[in-house]
């Protein structure tokens, strides 16, 4: 189980994935930084999308995007005051 011992491989071969038996020293840190970057971009896209969402016809039943869409948040404030 495991494919046997590591064998000699050509050193001149380049691979974008790191080559044979790649184990970068800081892979955990790099993964955490990348994940944080992806979350930051996703949050930014979510925020811009929620601010610009407009429904021309009001839904006949509650839908999830009504909780964060600017159009419905402003409408709730107007109805309560």
C-alpha atoms as a PDB file:
ATOM      1  CA  UNK A   1       0.000   0.000   0.000  1.00  0.00           C
ATOM      2  CA  UNK A   2       1.528   3.254  -1.055  1.00  0.00           C
ATOM      3  CA  UNK A   3       3.247   2.437  -4.336  1.00  0.00           C
ATOM      4  CA  UNK A   4       6.655   1.492  -2.996  1.00  0.00           C
ATOM      5  CA  UNK A   5       9.733   3.522  -2.199  1.00  0.00           C
ATOM      6  CA  UNK A   6      10.606   6.812  -3.808  1.00  0.00           C
ATOM      7  CA  UNK A   7      12.601   6.347  -6.966  1.00  0.00           C
ATOM      8  CA  UNK A   8      15.145   8.671  -8.571  1.00  0.00           C
ATOM      9  CA  UNK A   9      13.524  11.172 -10.899  1.00  0.00           C
ATOM     10  CA  UNK A  10      14.900  13.626 -13.472  1.00  0.00           C
ATOM     11  CA  UNK A  11      15.766  16.965 -11.829  1.00  0.00           C
ATOM     12  CA  UNK A  12      15.493  18.955 -15.081  1.00  0.00           C
ATOM     13  CA  UNK A  13      11.748  18.299 -15.437  1.00  0.00           C
ATOM     14  CA  UNK A  14       9.662  21.307 -14.353  1.00  0.00           C
ATOM     15  CA  UNK A  15       6.118  20.931 -13.100  1.00  0.00           C
ATOM     16  CA  UNK A  16       3.700  23.704 -12.102  1.00  0.00           C
ATOM     17  CA  UNK A  17       2.370  21.427  -9.351  1.00  0.00           C
ATOM     18  CA  UNK A  18       5.789  21.057  -7.747  1.00  0.00           C
ATOM     19  CA  UNK A  19       7.004  17.859  -9.346  1.00  0.00           C
ATOM     20  CA  UNK A  20       7.510  14.513  -7.723  1.00  0.00           C
ATOM     21  CA  UNK A  21       6.718  14.267  -4.000  1.00  0.00           C
ATOM     22  CA  UNK A  22       6.252  17.954  -3.546  1.00  0.00           C
ATOM     23  CA  UNK A  23       5.741  19.102   0.040  1.00  0.00           C
ATOM     24  CA  UNK A  24       6.370  22.855   0.318  1.00  0.00           C
ATOM     25  CA  UNK A  25       7.487  23.964   3.764  1.00  0.00           C
ATOM     26  CA  UNK A  26       4.798  26.596   4.230  1.00  0.00           C
ATOM     27  CA  UNK A  27       1.831  24.932   2.550  1.00  0.00           C
ATOM     28  CA  UNK A  28      -0.447  25.452   5.565  1.00  0.00           C
ATOM     29  CA  UNK A  29       0.302  29.179   5.707  1.00  0.00           C
ATOM     30  CA  UNK A  30      -0.110  29.559   1.956  1.00  0.00           C
ATOM     31  CA  UNK A  31      -3.445  27.727   2.086  1.00  0.00           C
ATOM     32  CA  UNK A  32      -4.700  29.931   4.944  1.00  0.00           C
ATOM     33  CA  UNK A  33      -3.680  33.142   3.135  1.00  0.00           C
ATOM     34  CA  UNK A  34      -5.330  31.987  -0.094  1.00  0.00           C
ATOM     35  CA  UNK A  35      -8.512  30.992   1.748  1.00  0.00           C
ATOM     36  CA  UNK A  36      -8.652  34.368   3.507  1.00  0.00           C
ATOM     37  CA  UNK A  37      -8.209  36.135   0.158  1.00  0.00           C
ATOM     38  CA  UNK A  38     -11.005  34.117  -1.423  1.00  0.00           C
ATOM     39  CA  UNK A  39     -13.300  34.919   1.521  1.00  0.00           C
ATOM     40  CA  UNK A  40     -12.499  38.638   1.272  1.00  0.00           C
ATOM     41  CA  UNK A  41     -13.292  38.720  -2.454  1.00  0.00           C
ATOM     42  CA  UNK A  42     -16.497  36.702  -1.944  1.00  0.00           C
ATOM     43  CA  UNK A  43     -17.616  39.099   0.809  1.00  0.00           C
ATOM     44  CA  UNK A  44     -16.978  42.077  -1.459  1.00  0.00           C
ATOM     45  CA  UNK A  45     -18.951  40.548  -4.318  1.00  0.00           C
ATOM     46  CA  UNK A  46     -21.784  39.632  -1.920  1.00  0.00           C
ATOM     47  CA  UNK A  47     -21.953  43.191  -0.555  1.00  0.00           C
ATOM     48  CA  UNK A  48     -21.985  44.854  -3.977  1.00  0.00           C
ATOM     49  CA  UNK A  49     -24.593  42.375  -5.210  1.00  0.00           C
ATOM     50  CA  UNK A  50     -26.864  42.993  -2.212  1.00  0.00           C
ATOM     51  CA  UNK A  51     -26.613  46.772  -2.643  1.00  0.00           C
ATOM     52  CA  UNK A  52     -27.495  46.654  -6.357  1.00  0.00           C
ATOM     53  CA  UNK A  53     -30.217  44.004  -6.300  1.00  0.00           C
ATOM     54  CA  UNK A  54     -33.566  45.394  -7.439  1.00  0.00           C
ATOM     55  CA  UNK A  55     -36.762  43.415  -7.967  1.00  0.00           C
ATOM     56  CA  UNK A  56     -39.345  45.078 -10.179  1.00  0.00           C
ATOM     57  CA  UNK A  57     -42.172  42.866  -8.906  1.00  0.00           C
ATOM     58  CA  UNK A  58     -42.406  42.242  -5.180  1.00  0.00           C
ATOM     59  CA  UNK A  59     -42.253  38.508  -4.387  1.00  0.00           C
ATOM     60  CA  UNK A  60     -45.543  37.023  -3.191  1.00  0.00           C
ATOM     61  CA  UNK A  61     -43.733  35.120  -0.440  1.00  0.00           C
ATOM     62  CA  UNK A  62     -40.537  35.796   1.512  1.00  0.00           C
ATOM     63  CA  UNK A  63     -37.319  34.827  -0.246  1.00  0.00           C
ATOM     64  CA  UNK A  64     -33.857  34.622   1.366  1.00  0.00           C
ATOM     65  CA  UNK A  65     -32.373  37.593  -0.493  1.00  0.00           C
ATOM     66  CA  UNK A  66     -34.979  39.877   1.078  1.00  0.00           C
ATOM     67  CA  UNK A  67     -32.972  39.676   4.325  1.00  0.00           C
ATOM     68  CA  UNK A  68     -29.911  41.405   2.844  1.00  0.00           C
ATOM     69  CA  UNK A  69     -31.097  43.266  -0.283  1.00  0.00           C
ATOM     70  CA  UNK A  70     -31.003  47.058   0.114  1.00  0.00           C
ATOM     71  CA  UNK A  71     -34.395  47.481  -1.558  1.00  0.00           C
ATOM     72  CA  UNK A  72     -36.225  45.453   1.078  1.00  0.00           C
ATOM     73  CA  UNK A  73     -34.231  46.738   4.056  1.00  0.00           C
ATOM     74  CA  UNK A  74     -35.179  50.321   3.125  1.00  0.00           C
ATOM     75  CA  UNK A  75     -38.768  49.273   2.581  1.00  0.00           C
ATOM     76  CA  UNK A  76     -38.967  47.749   6.078  1.00  0.00           C
ATOM     77  CA  UNK A  77     -37.666  50.994   7.605  1.00  0.00           C
ATOM     78  CA  UNK A  78     -40.316  52.999   5.721  1.00  0.00           C
ATOM     79  CA  UNK A  79     -43.101  50.641   6.832  1.00  0.00           C
ATOM     80  CA  UNK A  80     -42.116  50.749  10.500  1.00  0.00           C
ATOM     81  CA  UNK A  81     -41.910  54.546  10.676  1.00  0.00           C
END
